Amino acid sequence: MEASQFKSDQYVRFCPGCGDHAILASLTKAMAQIGVPTHETVVISGIGCSSRMPHYLNTYGFNTIHGRGGAIATGVKTSHPELTVWQMTGDGDCLAIGGNHFIHEIRRNVDLNICLFNNRIYGLTKGQYSPTSPKGFVSKSSPFGTVERPFIPAELVMGARGTFFARTLDVDMPTTVDCMVQAQQHKGASVIECLVNCVIFNNGTHSWIADRETRAERSIVLKHGEKMLFGANKDKGLKLDYSTVIPHLVVTTADDPDVLVHDATTEDPTLHRMLALMGQERFTVDGGASEHSDKELPVALGVIRNVEAETYNDAVNQQIEDVRAKSKATTFDELTATLEHWEM
């Protein structure tokens, strides 16, 4: 299939330079690579810049209300498990008003592909700070700097017992497409944190790792079964340091025999959580603007966690089939006749 088959005829109304353009282009490429027909694909969204996505895709879609995309997506997948369901959402849409829906669709392990656009700002409503804006961030709703500590999306996903978590940059389309393809292949709630730039209200928010000159030194693209190497010359690696009570990740040389090999499929989330949180403390305070050390841990990109578990939609539909098989009632009237009732 071709990417053009998944593009609608609607004019794309993202601002020029917005990172959402790249995610849209990556999504159509991923959908073409996956090969699920357009009439078997559904795209659900809430409200926000990222939530415009259903309009720009030649699939079934539903633009819901703020924060409620997860509830609608869960209903679609549970009632029609044969469909491939994508949820497009933003850091404001799903981590603020939609926070409960977000953590529960992950906890339930609904078979959804969730693209979480994180530009650390409310863009569509014109520049208020969001749940992922760093502490001290100055915006229209925090003119003296927000005093709140931000959410780290990976931490929420891991805390909700997520089975799939990936992270990508809008400027790295090959990694974005790969993450989306693997997300669709995964049975369960797949979350891709898409780090996107809001050129109007929060320009350069991810430049610390997104800039071409620094990206190789400050980020690492994890691939299952491969050594954890990074740097412009792939001369650095990651290993566990056991010198403290709690082992922790450190940067080492590429030729160190203790360099870790990435295993995205291990059930134990301990190392996945450590990898997902690398570099995140820097972003929660100053957005990565402070001085960087060569020994500092890179930000992890790519598929970090990908484990198997029963899905909510499979469990619900299997339960319905089991109950039907055991029930003597074949009609609604027969069913109500078996229930407790009273007469006046």
C-alpha atoms as a PDB file:
ATOM      1  CA  MET A   1       0.000   0.000   0.000  1.00  0.00           C
ATOM      2  CA  GLU A   2       1.035   3.619  -0.538  1.00  0.00           C
ATOM      3  CA  ALA A   3       1.125   6.410   2.059  1.00  0.00           C
ATOM      4  CA  SER A   4      -1.015   8.560  -0.261  1.00  0.00           C
ATOM      5  CA  GLN A   5      -3.922   6.130   0.197  1.00  0.00           C
ATOM      6  CA  PHE A   6      -4.158   7.157   3.860  1.00  0.00           C
ATOM      7  CA  LYS A   7      -4.180  10.916   3.232  1.00  0.00           C
ATOM      8  CA  SER A   8      -7.525  12.698   3.089  1.00  0.00           C
ATOM      9  CA  ASP A   9      -8.358  15.596   0.779  1.00  0.00           C
ATOM     10  CA  GLN A  10      -8.529  18.049   3.686  1.00  0.00           C
ATOM     11  CA  TYR A  11      -6.128  20.998   3.912  1.00  0.00           C
ATOM     12  CA  VAL A  12      -3.688  20.375   6.772  1.00  0.00           C
ATOM     13  CA  ARG A  13      -4.079  23.264   9.197  1.00  0.00           C
ATOM     14  CA  PHE A  14      -1.029  22.793  11.398  1.00  0.00           C
ATOM     15  CA  CYS A  15       1.115  25.920  11.620  1.00  0.00           C
ATOM     16  CA  PRO A  16       4.053  26.034   9.173  1.00  0.00           C
ATOM     17  CA  GLY A  17       7.015  24.448  10.957  1.00  0.00           C
ATOM     18  CA  CYS A  18       4.880  22.550  13.486  1.00  0.00           C
ATOM     19  CA  GLY A  19       6.253  19.133  14.421  1.00  0.00           C
ATOM     20  CA  ASP A  20       2.789  17.633  13.918  1.00  0.00           C
ATOM     21  CA  HIS A  21       3.382  17.711  10.143  1.00  0.00           C
ATOM     22  CA  ALA A  22       6.206  15.180  10.531  1.00  0.00           C
ATOM     23  CA  ILE A  23       4.147  12.908  12.764  1.00  0.00           C
ATOM     24  CA  LEU A  24       1.289  12.946  10.232  1.00  0.00           C
ATOM     25  CA  ALA A  25       3.681  12.061   7.407  1.00  0.00           C
ATOM     26  CA  SER A  26       5.243   9.301   9.520  1.00  0.00           C
ATOM     27  CA  LEU A  27       1.821   7.903  10.396  1.00  0.00           C
ATOM     28  CA  THR A  28       0.704   7.591   6.781  1.00  0.00           C
ATOM     29  CA  LYS A  29       3.988   5.863   5.936  1.00  0.00           C
ATOM     30  CA  ALA A  30       3.583   3.506   8.888  1.00  0.00           C
ATOM     31  CA  MET A  31      -0.033   2.717   7.963  1.00  0.00           C
ATOM     32  CA  ALA A  32       1.052   1.891   4.416  1.00  0.00           C
ATOM     33  CA  GLN A  33       3.816  -0.359   5.725  1.00  0.00           C
ATOM     34  CA  ILE A  34       1.433  -2.089   8.143  1.00  0.00           C
ATOM     35  CA  GLY A  35      -1.001  -2.750   5.312  1.00  0.00           C
ATOM     36  CA  VAL A  36      -4.313  -2.645   7.190  1.00  0.00           C
ATOM     37  CA  PRO A  37      -6.923  -1.254   4.728  1.00  0.00           C
ATOM     38  CA  THR A  38      -8.310   2.224   5.334  1.00  0.00           C
ATOM     39  CA  HIS A  39     -11.822   0.862   5.953  1.00  0.00           C
ATOM     40  CA  GLU A  40     -10.471  -1.313   8.791  1.00  0.00           C
ATOM     41  CA  THR A  41      -8.621   1.571  10.439  1.00  0.00           C
ATOM     42  CA  VAL A  42     -10.103   4.066  12.919  1.00  0.00           C
ATOM     43  CA  VAL A  43      -8.453   7.212  14.257  1.00  0.00           C
ATOM     44  CA  ILE A  44      -9.877   8.707  17.470  1.00  0.00           C
ATOM     45  CA  SER A  45      -8.839  11.990  19.050  1.00  0.00           C
ATOM     46  CA  GLY A  46      -9.782  14.473  21.730  1.00  0.00           C
ATOM     47  CA  ILE A  47      -9.216  18.227  21.370  1.00  0.00           C
ATOM     48  CA  GLY A  48      -5.961  19.991  20.557  1.00  0.00           C
ATOM     49  CA  CYS A  49      -3.603  20.530  17.649  1.00  0.00           C
ATOM     50  CA  SER A  50      -2.696  16.832  17.503  1.00  0.00           C
ATOM     51  CA  SER A  51      -6.375  15.924  17.708  1.00  0.00           C
ATOM     52  CA  ARG A  52      -6.988  17.353  14.239  1.00  0.00           C
ATOM     53  CA  MET A  53      -5.480  14.132  12.879  1.00  0.00           C
ATOM     54  CA  PRO A  54      -8.747  12.290  12.028  1.00  0.00           C
ATOM     55  CA  HIS A  55      -9.545  15.042   9.501  1.00  0.00           C
ATOM     56  CA  TYR A  56      -6.295  14.502   7.609  1.00  0.00           C
ATOM     57  CA  LEU A  57      -6.459  10.721   7.297  1.00  0.00           C
ATOM     58  CA  ASN A  58      -8.520   8.723   4.811  1.00  0.00           C
ATOM     59  CA  THR A  59      -9.797   6.324   7.468  1.00  0.00           C
ATOM     60  CA  TYR A  60     -12.769   6.142   9.776  1.00  0.00           C
ATOM     61  CA  GLY A  61     -12.367   8.694  12.542  1.00  0.00           C
ATOM     62  CA  PHE A  62     -13.946  10.518  15.429  1.00  0.00           C
ATOM     63  CA  ASN A  63     -12.929  13.904  16.838  1.00  0.00           C
ATOM     64  CA  THR A  64     -14.311  13.663  20.393  1.00  0.00           C
ATOM     65  CA  ILE A  65     -14.331  16.147  23.284  1.00  0.00           C
ATOM     66  CA  HIS A  66     -11.393  17.250  25.396  1.00  0.00           C
ATOM     67  CA  GLY A  67      -9.630  14.360  27.123  1.00  0.00           C
ATOM     68  CA  ARG A  68     -12.226  11.749  26.211  1.00  0.00           C
ATOM     69  CA  GLY A  69     -10.511  10.149  23.229  1.00  0.00           C
ATOM     70  CA  GLY A  70      -9.387   7.183  25.326  1.00  0.00           C
ATOM     71  CA  ALA A  71     -12.929   6.350  26.422  1.00  0.00           C
ATOM     72  CA  ILE A  72     -14.258   6.414  22.853  1.00  0.00           C
ATOM     73  CA  ALA A  73     -11.257   4.470  21.519  1.00  0.00           C
ATOM     74  CA  THR A  74     -11.799   1.805  24.198  1.00  0.00           C
ATOM     75  CA  GLY A  75     -15.444   1.478  23.186  1.00  0.00           C
ATOM     76  CA  VAL A  76     -14.600   1.174  19.499  1.00  0.00           C
ATOM     77  CA  LYS A  77     -11.948  -1.498  20.045  1.00  0.00           C
ATOM     78  CA  THR A  78     -14.049  -3.496  22.513  1.00  0.00           C
ATOM     79  CA  SER A  79     -17.164  -3.506  20.329  1.00  0.00           C
ATOM     80  CA  HIS A  80     -15.234  -4.038  17.076  1.00  0.00           C
ATOM     81  CA  PRO A  81     -11.995  -5.862  17.995  1.00  0.00           C
ATOM     82  CA  GLU A  82     -11.294  -6.585  14.325  1.00  0.00           C
ATOM     83  CA  LEU A  83     -10.521  -2.905  13.705  1.00  0.00           C
ATOM     84  CA  THR A  84      -7.111  -1.257  14.080  1.00  0.00           C
ATOM     85  CA  VAL A  85      -7.630   1.740  16.370  1.00  0.00           C
ATOM     86  CA  TRP A  86      -5.271   4.709  16.712  1.00  0.00           C
ATOM     87  CA  GLN A  87      -5.660   7.394  19.356  1.00  0.00           C
ATOM     88  CA  MET A  88      -4.171  10.830  18.679  1.00  0.00           C
ATOM     89  CA  THR A  89      -3.743  12.938  21.800  1.00  0.00           C
ATOM     90  CA  GLY A  90      -1.593  15.675  23.328  1.00  0.00           C
ATOM     91  CA  ASP A  91       0.075  16.403  26.658  1.00  0.00           C
ATOM     92  CA  GLY A  92      -2.790  18.723  27.597  1.00  0.00           C
ATOM     93  CA  ASP A  93      -5.570  16.555  26.165  1.00  0.00           C
ATOM     94  CA  CYS A  94      -4.661  13.254  27.833  1.00  0.00           C
ATOM     95  CA  LEU A  95      -2.523  14.199  30.837  1.00  0.00           C
ATOM     96  CA  ALA A  96      -4.775  16.921  32.262  1.00  0.00           C
ATOM     97  CA  ILE A  97      -8.542  16.559  31.795  1.00  0.00           C
ATOM     98  CA  GLY A  98      -8.066  13.131  30.200  1.00  0.00           C
ATOM     99  CA  GLY A  99      -5.594  11.812  32.783  1.00  0.00           C
ATOM    100  CA  ASN A 100      -7.883   9.169  34.275  1.00  0.00           C
ATOM    101  CA  HIS A 101      -8.923   7.822  30.887  1.00  0.00           C
ATOM    102  CA  PHE A 102      -5.252   7.638  29.872  1.00  0.00           C
ATOM    103  CA  ILE A 103      -3.997   5.634  32.848  1.00  0.00           C
ATOM    104  CA  HIS A 104      -6.965   3.273  32.815  1.00  0.00           C
ATOM    105  CA  GLU A 105      -6.740   2.398  29.120  1.00  0.00           C
ATOM    106  CA  ILE A 106      -3.111   1.519  29.818  1.00  0.00           C
ATOM    107  CA  ARG A 107      -3.935  -0.404  33.010  1.00  0.00           C
ATOM    108  CA  ARG A 108      -6.626  -2.365  31.184  1.00  0.00           C
ATOM    109  CA  ASN A 109      -4.236  -2.994  28.285  1.00  0.00           C
ATOM    110  CA  VAL A 110      -6.767  -2.087  25.602  1.00  0.00           C
ATOM    111  CA  ASP A 111      -5.350  -2.943  22.168  1.00  0.00           C
ATOM    112  CA  LEU A 112      -4.880   0.667  21.021  1.00  0.00           C
ATOM    113  CA  ASN A 113      -2.060   2.572  19.349  1.00  0.00           C
ATOM    114  CA  ILE A 114      -1.738   5.816  21.316  1.00  0.00           C
ATOM    115  CA  CYS A 115       0.342   8.656  19.881  1.00  0.00           C
ATOM    116  CA  LEU A 116       0.965  11.185  22.648  1.00  0.00           C
ATOM    117  CA  PHE A 117       2.149  14.466  21.115  1.00  0.00           C
ATOM    118  CA  ASN A 118       4.266  16.248  23.734  1.00  0.00           C
ATOM    119  CA  ASN A 119       5.129  19.876  22.968  1.00  0.00           C
ATOM    120  CA  ARG A 120       4.884  20.871  26.645  1.00  0.00           C
ATOM    121  CA  ILE A 121       2.355  23.635  25.960  1.00  0.00           C
ATOM    122  CA  TYR A 122      -1.337  24.173  25.175  1.00  0.00           C
ATOM    123  CA  GLY A 123      -1.007  25.226  21.541  1.00  0.00           C
ATOM    124  CA  LEU A 124      -4.585  25.273  20.253  1.00  0.00           C
ATOM    125  CA  THR A 125      -5.771  27.414  23.196  1.00  0.00           C
ATOM    126  CA  LYS A 126      -2.864  29.796  22.643  1.00  0.00           C
ATOM    127  CA  GLY A 127       0.023  29.150  24.962  1.00  0.00           C
ATOM    128  CA  GLN A 128      -0.864  28.104  28.498  1.00  0.00           C
ATOM    129  CA  TYR A 129       1.487  25.788  30.409  1.00  0.00           C
ATOM    130  CA  SER A 130       0.626  22.085  30.277  1.00  0.00           C
ATOM    131  CA  PRO A 131       1.125  19.103  32.636  1.00  0.00           C
ATOM    132  CA  THR A 132       4.531  18.454  31.019  1.00  0.00           C
ATOM    133  CA  SER A 133       5.848  22.045  31.058  1.00  0.00           C
ATOM    134  CA  PRO A 134       9.041  22.253  33.146  1.00  0.00           C
ATOM    135  CA  LYS A 135       8.925  23.892  36.566  1.00  0.00           C
ATOM    136  CA  GLY A 136       9.547  27.606  36.249  1.00  0.00           C
ATOM    137  CA  PHE A 137       8.152  27.744  32.711  1.00  0.00           C
ATOM    138  CA  VAL A 138       6.821  31.205  31.803  1.00  0.00           C
ATOM    139  CA  SER A 139       3.612  31.182  29.781  1.00  0.00           C
ATOM    140  CA  LYS A 140       0.378  33.130  29.387  1.00  0.00           C
ATOM    141  CA  SER A 141      -1.089  31.271  32.358  1.00  0.00           C
ATOM    142  CA  SER A 142       2.148  31.366  34.403  1.00  0.00           C
ATOM    143  CA  PRO A 143       3.672  34.823  33.798  1.00  0.00           C
ATOM    144  CA  PHE A 144       5.980  34.451  36.800  1.00  0.00           C
ATOM    145  CA  GLY A 145       6.849  30.813  36.077  1.00  0.00           C
ATOM    146  CA  THR A 146       4.819  27.734  36.948  1.00  0.00           C
ATOM    147  CA  VAL A 147       5.469  26.344  40.421  1.00  0.00           C
ATOM    148  CA  GLU A 148       4.163  22.894  39.483  1.00  0.00           C
ATOM    149  CA  ARG A 149       6.246  19.779  38.989  1.00  0.00           C
ATOM    150  CA  PRO A 150       5.472  18.216  35.591  1.00  0.00           C
ATOM    151  CA  PHE A 151       4.371  14.734  34.684  1.00  0.00           C
ATOM    152  CA  ILE A 152       6.865  12.464  32.956  1.00  0.00           C
ATOM    153  CA  PRO A 153       4.717  10.450  30.500  1.00  0.00           C
ATOM    154  CA  ALA A 154       6.963   7.397  30.678  1.00  0.00           C
ATOM    155  CA  GLU A 155       6.597   7.319  34.449  1.00  0.00           C
ATOM    156  CA  LEU A 156       2.799   7.347  34.162  1.00  0.00           C
ATOM    157  CA  VAL A 157       2.847   4.533  31.603  1.00  0.00           C
ATOM    158  CA  MET A 158       5.169   2.380  33.697  1.00  0.00           C
ATOM    159  CA  GLY A 159       3.185   3.134  36.846  1.00  0.00           C
ATOM    160  CA  ALA A 160      -0.014   2.028  35.119  1.00  0.00           C
ATOM    161  CA  ARG A 161       1.679  -1.291  34.250  1.00  0.00           C
ATOM    162  CA  GLY A 162       2.026  -0.406  30.579  1.00  0.00           C
ATOM    163  CA  THR A 163       3.105  -3.155  28.186  1.00  0.00           C
ATOM    164  CA  PHE A 164       4.466  -0.918  25.412  1.00  0.00           C
ATOM    165  CA  PHE A 165       6.252   2.414  25.570  1.00  0.00           C
ATOM    166  CA  ALA A 166       8.267   4.163  22.883  1.00  0.00           C
ATOM    167  CA  ARG A 167       9.595   7.692  22.423  1.00  0.00           C
ATOM    168  CA  THR A 168      10.486   9.554  19.255  1.00  0.00           C
ATOM    169  CA  LEU A 169      11.348  12.996  17.887  1.00  0.00           C
ATOM    170  CA  ASP A 170       9.417  14.795  15.178  1.00  0.00           C
ATOM    171  CA  VAL A 171      12.706  15.367  13.292  1.00  0.00           C
ATOM    172  CA  ASP A 172      13.552  11.643  13.283  1.00  0.00           C
ATOM    173  CA  MET A 173      10.977  10.182  10.904  1.00  0.00           C
ATOM    174  CA  PRO A 174      12.632   6.748  10.422  1.00  0.00           C
ATOM    175  CA  THR A 175      12.517   6.103  14.174  1.00  0.00           C
ATOM    176  CA  THR A 176       8.947   7.446  14.337  1.00  0.00           C
ATOM    177  CA  VAL A 177       7.754   5.110  11.562  1.00  0.00           C
ATOM    178  CA  ASP A 178       9.508   2.131  13.185  1.00  0.00           C
ATOM    179  CA  CYS A 179       7.899   2.890  16.567  1.00  0.00           C
ATOM    180  CA  MET A 180       4.438   3.161  14.966  1.00  0.00           C
ATOM    181  CA  VAL A 181       4.808  -0.115  13.081  1.00  0.00           C
ATOM    182  CA  GLN A 182       5.912  -1.943  16.233  1.00  0.00           C
ATOM    183  CA  ALA A 183       3.082  -0.300  18.199  1.00  0.00           C
ATOM    184  CA  GLN A 184       0.499  -1.695  15.794  1.00  0.00           C
ATOM    185  CA  GLN A 185       2.084  -5.153  15.857  1.00  0.00           C
ATOM    186  CA  HIS A 186       1.929  -5.156  19.664  1.00  0.00           C
ATOM    187  CA  LYS A 187      -1.243  -6.599  21.199  1.00  0.00           C
ATOM    188  CA  GLY A 188      -2.169  -4.204  23.963  1.00  0.00           C
ATOM    189  CA  ALA A 189      -2.008  -0.518  24.818  1.00  0.00           C
ATOM    190  CA  SER A 190       0.923   0.918  22.857  1.00  0.00           C
ATOM    191  CA  VAL A 191       2.046   4.409  23.863  1.00  0.00           C
ATOM    192  CA  ILE A 192       4.385   6.436  21.661  1.00  0.00           C
ATOM    193  CA  GLU A 193       5.525   9.712  23.186  1.00  0.00           C
ATOM    194  CA  CYS A 194       6.120  11.973  20.188  1.00  0.00           C
ATOM    195  CA  LEU A 195       8.345  14.900  21.139  1.00  0.00           C
ATOM    196  CA  VAL A 196       7.099  17.677  18.845  1.00  0.00           C
ATOM    197  CA  ASN A 197       7.988  21.331  18.489  1.00  0.00           C
ATOM    198  CA  CYS A 198       5.391  24.106  18.800  1.00  0.00           C
ATOM    199  CA  VAL A 199       6.987  26.776  16.636  1.00  0.00           C
ATOM    200  CA  ILE A 200       4.517  29.470  17.766  1.00  0.00           C
ATOM    201  CA  PHE A 201       4.205  29.126  21.556  1.00  0.00           C
ATOM    202  CA  ASN A 202       7.128  26.922  22.660  1.00  0.00           C
ATOM    203  CA  ASN A 203       9.694  26.964  19.899  1.00  0.00           C
ATOM    204  CA  GLY A 204      12.801  24.882  20.575  1.00  0.00           C
ATOM    205  CA  THR A 205      11.308  23.022  23.537  1.00  0.00           C
ATOM    206  CA  HIS A 206      13.167  19.825  22.592  1.00  0.00           C
ATOM    207  CA  SER A 207      16.144  21.455  20.869  1.00  0.00           C
ATOM    208  CA  TRP A 208      18.507  20.159  23.557  1.00  0.00           C
ATOM    209  CA  ILE A 209      18.214  16.714  21.972  1.00  0.00           C
ATOM    210  CA  ALA A 210      16.535  17.510  18.642  1.00  0.00           C
ATOM    211  CA  ASP A 211      19.248  19.721  17.131  1.00  0.00           C
ATOM    212  CA  ARG A 212      21.260  17.817  14.557  1.00  0.00           C
ATOM    213  CA  GLU A 213      24.586  18.955  16.066  1.00  0.00           C
ATOM    214  CA  THR A 214      23.868  17.508  19.512  1.00  0.00           C
ATOM    215  CA  ARG A 215      21.347  14.719  18.909  1.00  0.00           C
ATOM    216  CA  ALA A 216      23.831  11.849  18.582  1.00  0.00           C
ATOM    217  CA  GLU A 217      25.570  12.763  21.844  1.00  0.00           C
ATOM    218  CA  ARG A 218      22.464  13.467  23.894  1.00  0.00           C
ATOM    219  CA  SER A 219      20.092  10.718  22.791  1.00  0.00           C
ATOM    220  CA  ILE A 220      20.203   6.984  22.177  1.00  0.00           C
ATOM    221  CA  VAL A 221      17.917   5.044  19.819  1.00  0.00           C
ATOM    222  CA  LEU A 222      17.257   1.692  21.473  1.00  0.00           C
ATOM    223  CA  LYS A 223      16.753  -1.384  19.301  1.00  0.00           C
ATOM    224  CA  HIS A 224      15.759  -4.759  20.696  1.00  0.00           C
ATOM    225  CA  GLY A 225      18.648  -7.236  20.645  1.00  0.00           C
ATOM    226  CA  GLU A 226      21.298  -4.595  19.937  1.00  0.00           C
ATOM    227  CA  LYS A 227      23.959  -3.037  22.176  1.00  0.00           C
ATOM    228  CA  MET A 228      23.084   0.260  23.803  1.00  0.00           C
ATOM    229  CA  LEU A 229      25.550   2.462  21.936  1.00  0.00           C
ATOM    230  CA  PHE A 230      25.350   6.164  21.130  1.00  0.00           C
ATOM    231  CA  GLY A 231      27.472   9.152  20.198  1.00  0.00           C
ATOM    232  CA  ALA A 232      28.442  10.603  16.837  1.00  0.00           C
ATOM    233  CA  ASN A 233      30.956   7.779  16.417  1.00  0.00           C
ATOM    234  CA  LYS A 234      29.020   5.179  18.431  1.00  0.00           C
ATOM    235  CA  ASP A 235      31.883   5.318  20.922  1.00  0.00           C
ATOM    236  CA  LYS A 236      29.736   5.427  24.061  1.00  0.00           C
ATOM    237  CA  GLY A 237      27.574   2.823  25.721  1.00  0.00           C
ATOM    238  CA  LEU A 238      25.399   2.207  28.753  1.00  0.00           C
ATOM    239  CA  LYS A 239      25.989  -0.224  31.573  1.00  0.00           C
ATOM    240  CA  LEU A 240      24.748  -0.877  35.092  1.00  0.00           C
ATOM    241  CA  ASP A 241      26.880   0.317  37.998  1.00  0.00           C
ATOM    242  CA  TYR A 242      26.536  -1.965  41.031  1.00  0.00           C
ATOM    243  CA  SER A 243      28.726   0.118  43.362  1.00  0.00           C
ATOM    244  CA  THR A 244      25.685   1.494  45.202  1.00  0.00           C
ATOM    245  CA  VAL A 245      22.855  -0.223  47.055  1.00  0.00           C
ATOM    246  CA  ILE A 246      20.554   0.342  44.083  1.00  0.00           C
ATOM    247  CA  PRO A 247      22.194  -0.330  40.691  1.00  0.00           C
ATOM    248  CA  HIS A 248      22.083   2.610  38.305  1.00  0.00           C
ATOM    249  CA  LEU A 249      22.892   3.325  34.660  1.00  0.00           C
ATOM    250  CA  VAL A 250      26.145   5.025  33.735  1.00  0.00           C
ATOM    251  CA  VAL A 251      27.895   6.013  30.517  1.00  0.00           C
ATOM    252  CA  THR A 252      30.882   3.893  29.531  1.00  0.00           C
ATOM    253  CA  THR A 253      33.000   3.239  26.433  1.00  0.00           C
ATOM    254  CA  ALA A 254      31.693   1.230  23.487  1.00  0.00           C
ATOM    255  CA  ASP A 255      34.323  -1.478  23.985  1.00  0.00           C
ATOM    256  CA  ASP A 256      33.346  -2.100  27.607  1.00  0.00           C
ATOM    257  CA  PRO A 257      32.322  -5.782  27.866  1.00  0.00           C
ATOM    258  CA  ASP A 258      29.541  -4.782  30.261  1.00  0.00           C
ATOM    259  CA  VAL A 259      27.691  -2.628  27.712  1.00  0.00           C
ATOM    260  CA  LEU A 260      24.030  -3.617  27.908  1.00  0.00           C
ATOM    261  CA  VAL A 261      22.067  -5.281  25.131  1.00  0.00           C
ATOM    262  CA  HIS A 262      18.521  -3.929  24.896  1.00  0.00           C
ATOM    263  CA  ASP A 263      15.759  -6.391  25.736  1.00  0.00           C
ATOM    264  CA  ALA A 264      12.399  -4.687  25.228  1.00  0.00           C
ATOM    265  CA  THR A 265      10.507  -7.896  25.969  1.00  0.00           C
ATOM    266  CA  THR A 266      11.613  -8.712  29.521  1.00  0.00           C
ATOM    267  CA  GLU A 267       8.690  -8.784  31.951  1.00  0.00           C
ATOM    268  CA  ASP A 268      10.582  -6.966  34.730  1.00  0.00           C
ATOM    269  CA  PRO A 269      10.000  -3.244  34.137  1.00  0.00           C
ATOM    270  CA  THR A 270      12.913  -2.101  36.342  1.00  0.00           C
ATOM    271  CA  LEU A 271      15.463  -1.516  33.577  1.00  0.00           C
ATOM    272  CA  HIS A 272      12.808  -0.255  31.158  1.00  0.00           C
ATOM    273  CA  ARG A 273      11.823   2.371  33.706  1.00  0.00           C
ATOM    274  CA  MET A 274      15.457   3.372  34.226  1.00  0.00           C
ATOM    275  CA  LEU A 275      15.955   3.734  30.476  1.00  0.00           C
ATOM    276  CA  ALA A 276      12.721   5.669  29.975  1.00  0.00           C
ATOM    277  CA  LEU A 277      13.586   8.151  32.737  1.00  0.00           C
ATOM    278  CA  MET A 278      17.130   8.911  31.543  1.00  0.00           C
ATOM    279  CA  GLY A 279      17.549  12.648  31.072  1.00  0.00           C
ATOM    280  CA  GLN A 280      13.987  13.411  32.155  1.00  0.00           C
ATOM    281  CA  GLU A 281      14.928  15.219  35.370  1.00  0.00           C
ATOM    282  CA  ARG A 282      16.764  17.788  33.276  1.00  0.00           C
ATOM    283  CA  PHE A 283      13.607  18.459  31.263  1.00  0.00           C
ATOM    284  CA  THR A 284      11.393  18.832  34.336  1.00  0.00           C
ATOM    285  CA  VAL A 285      13.367  21.813  35.644  1.00  0.00           C
ATOM    286  CA  ASP A 286      14.997  23.819  32.869  1.00  0.00           C
ATOM    287  CA  GLY A 287      14.083  22.078  29.648  1.00  0.00           C
ATOM    288  CA  GLY A 288      17.645  20.904  29.137  1.00  0.00           C
ATOM    289  CA  ALA A 289      19.106  24.407  28.973  1.00  0.00           C
ATOM    290  CA  SER A 290      21.788  23.873  31.632  1.00  0.00           C
ATOM    291  CA  GLU A 291      25.357  22.773  30.974  1.00  0.00           C
ATOM    292  CA  HIS A 292      25.694  19.236  29.617  1.00  0.00           C
ATOM    293  CA  SER A 293      28.347  16.747  30.707  1.00  0.00           C
ATOM    294  CA  ASP A 294      29.808  14.013  28.487  1.00  0.00           C
ATOM    295  CA  LYS A 295      29.080  11.597  31.324  1.00  0.00           C
ATOM    296  CA  GLU A 296      25.419  12.539  31.465  1.00  0.00           C
ATOM    297  CA  LEU A 297      22.890   9.898  30.480  1.00  0.00           C
ATOM    298  CA  PRO A 298      21.259  10.335  27.050  1.00  0.00           C
ATOM    299  CA  VAL A 299      17.516  10.536  26.436  1.00  0.00           C
ATOM    300  CA  ALA A 300      16.170   7.162  25.267  1.00  0.00           C
ATOM    301  CA  LEU A 301      14.324   7.017  21.953  1.00  0.00           C
ATOM    302  CA  GLY A 302      12.835   4.052  20.101  1.00  0.00           C
ATOM    303  CA  VAL A 303      10.851   1.164  21.572  1.00  0.00           C
ATOM    304  CA  ILE A 304      11.781   0.899  25.242  1.00  0.00           C
ATOM    305  CA  ARG A 305       9.212  -1.650  26.460  1.00  0.00           C
ATOM    306  CA  ASN A 306       7.268  -4.259  24.479  1.00  0.00           C
ATOM    307  CA  VAL A 307       5.868  -7.160  26.521  1.00  0.00           C
ATOM    308  CA  GLU A 308       2.923  -9.500  26.031  1.00  0.00           C
ATOM    309  CA  ALA A 309      -0.160  -9.568  28.241  1.00  0.00           C
ATOM    310  CA  GLU A 310      -3.860 -10.283  27.880  1.00  0.00           C
ATOM    311  CA  THR A 311      -5.792  -7.427  26.298  1.00  0.00           C
ATOM    312  CA  TYR A 312      -8.939  -5.915  27.749  1.00  0.00           C
ATOM    313  CA  ASN A 313     -10.924  -6.264  24.521  1.00  0.00           C
ATOM    314  CA  ASP A 314     -10.035  -9.956  24.178  1.00  0.00           C
ATOM    315  CA  ALA A 315     -10.914 -10.639  27.816  1.00  0.00           C
ATOM    316  CA  VAL A 316     -14.279  -8.855  27.597  1.00  0.00           C
ATOM    317  CA  ASN A 317     -15.337 -10.576  24.392  1.00  0.00           C
ATOM    318  CA  GLN A 318     -14.192 -13.984  25.651  1.00  0.00           C
ATOM    319  CA  GLN A 319     -16.210 -13.474  28.828  1.00  0.00           C
ATOM    320  CA  ILE A 320     -19.300 -12.675  26.752  1.00  0.00           C
ATOM    321  CA  GLU A 321     -18.828 -15.831  24.701  1.00  0.00           C
ATOM    322  CA  ASP A 322     -18.326 -17.952  27.841  1.00  0.00           C
ATOM    323  CA  VAL A 323     -21.476 -16.592  29.488  1.00  0.00           C
ATOM    324  CA  ARG A 324     -23.505 -17.088  26.315  1.00  0.00           C
ATOM    325  CA  ALA A 325     -22.327 -20.704  26.029  1.00  0.00           C
ATOM    326  CA  LYS A 326     -23.492 -21.500  29.571  1.00  0.00           C
ATOM    327  CA  SER A 327     -26.758 -19.537  29.481  1.00  0.00           C
ATOM    328  CA  LYS A 328     -30.073 -21.296  28.849  1.00  0.00           C
ATOM    329  CA  ALA A 329     -31.693 -18.038  27.757  1.00  0.00           C
ATOM    330  CA  THR A 330     -31.590 -17.341  24.020  1.00  0.00           C
ATOM    331  CA  THR A 331     -33.774 -14.229  23.928  1.00  0.00           C
ATOM    332  CA  PHE A 332     -34.042 -11.084  26.028  1.00  0.00           C
ATOM    333  CA  ASP A 333     -37.466 -12.129  27.386  1.00  0.00           C
ATOM    334  CA  GLU A 334     -36.050 -15.493  28.460  1.00  0.00           C
ATOM    335  CA  LEU A 335     -33.176 -13.711  30.160  1.00  0.00           C
ATOM    336  CA  THR A 336     -35.414 -11.344  32.135  1.00  0.00           C
ATOM    337  CA  ALA A 337     -37.606 -14.283  33.169  1.00  0.00           C
ATOM    338  CA  THR A 338     -34.592 -15.792  34.956  1.00  0.00           C
ATOM    339  CA  LEU A 339     -34.032 -12.665  37.043  1.00  0.00           C
ATOM    340  CA  GLU A 340     -35.576 -11.716  40.352  1.00  0.00           C
ATOM    341  CA  HIS A 341     -38.821  -9.820  39.851  1.00  0.00           C
ATOM    342  CA  TRP A 342     -41.909  -8.707  41.778  1.00  0.00           C
ATOM    343  CA  GLU A 343     -45.517  -7.899  41.053  1.00  0.00           C
ATOM    344  CA  MET A 344     -47.760  -5.173  42.515  1.00  0.00           C
END
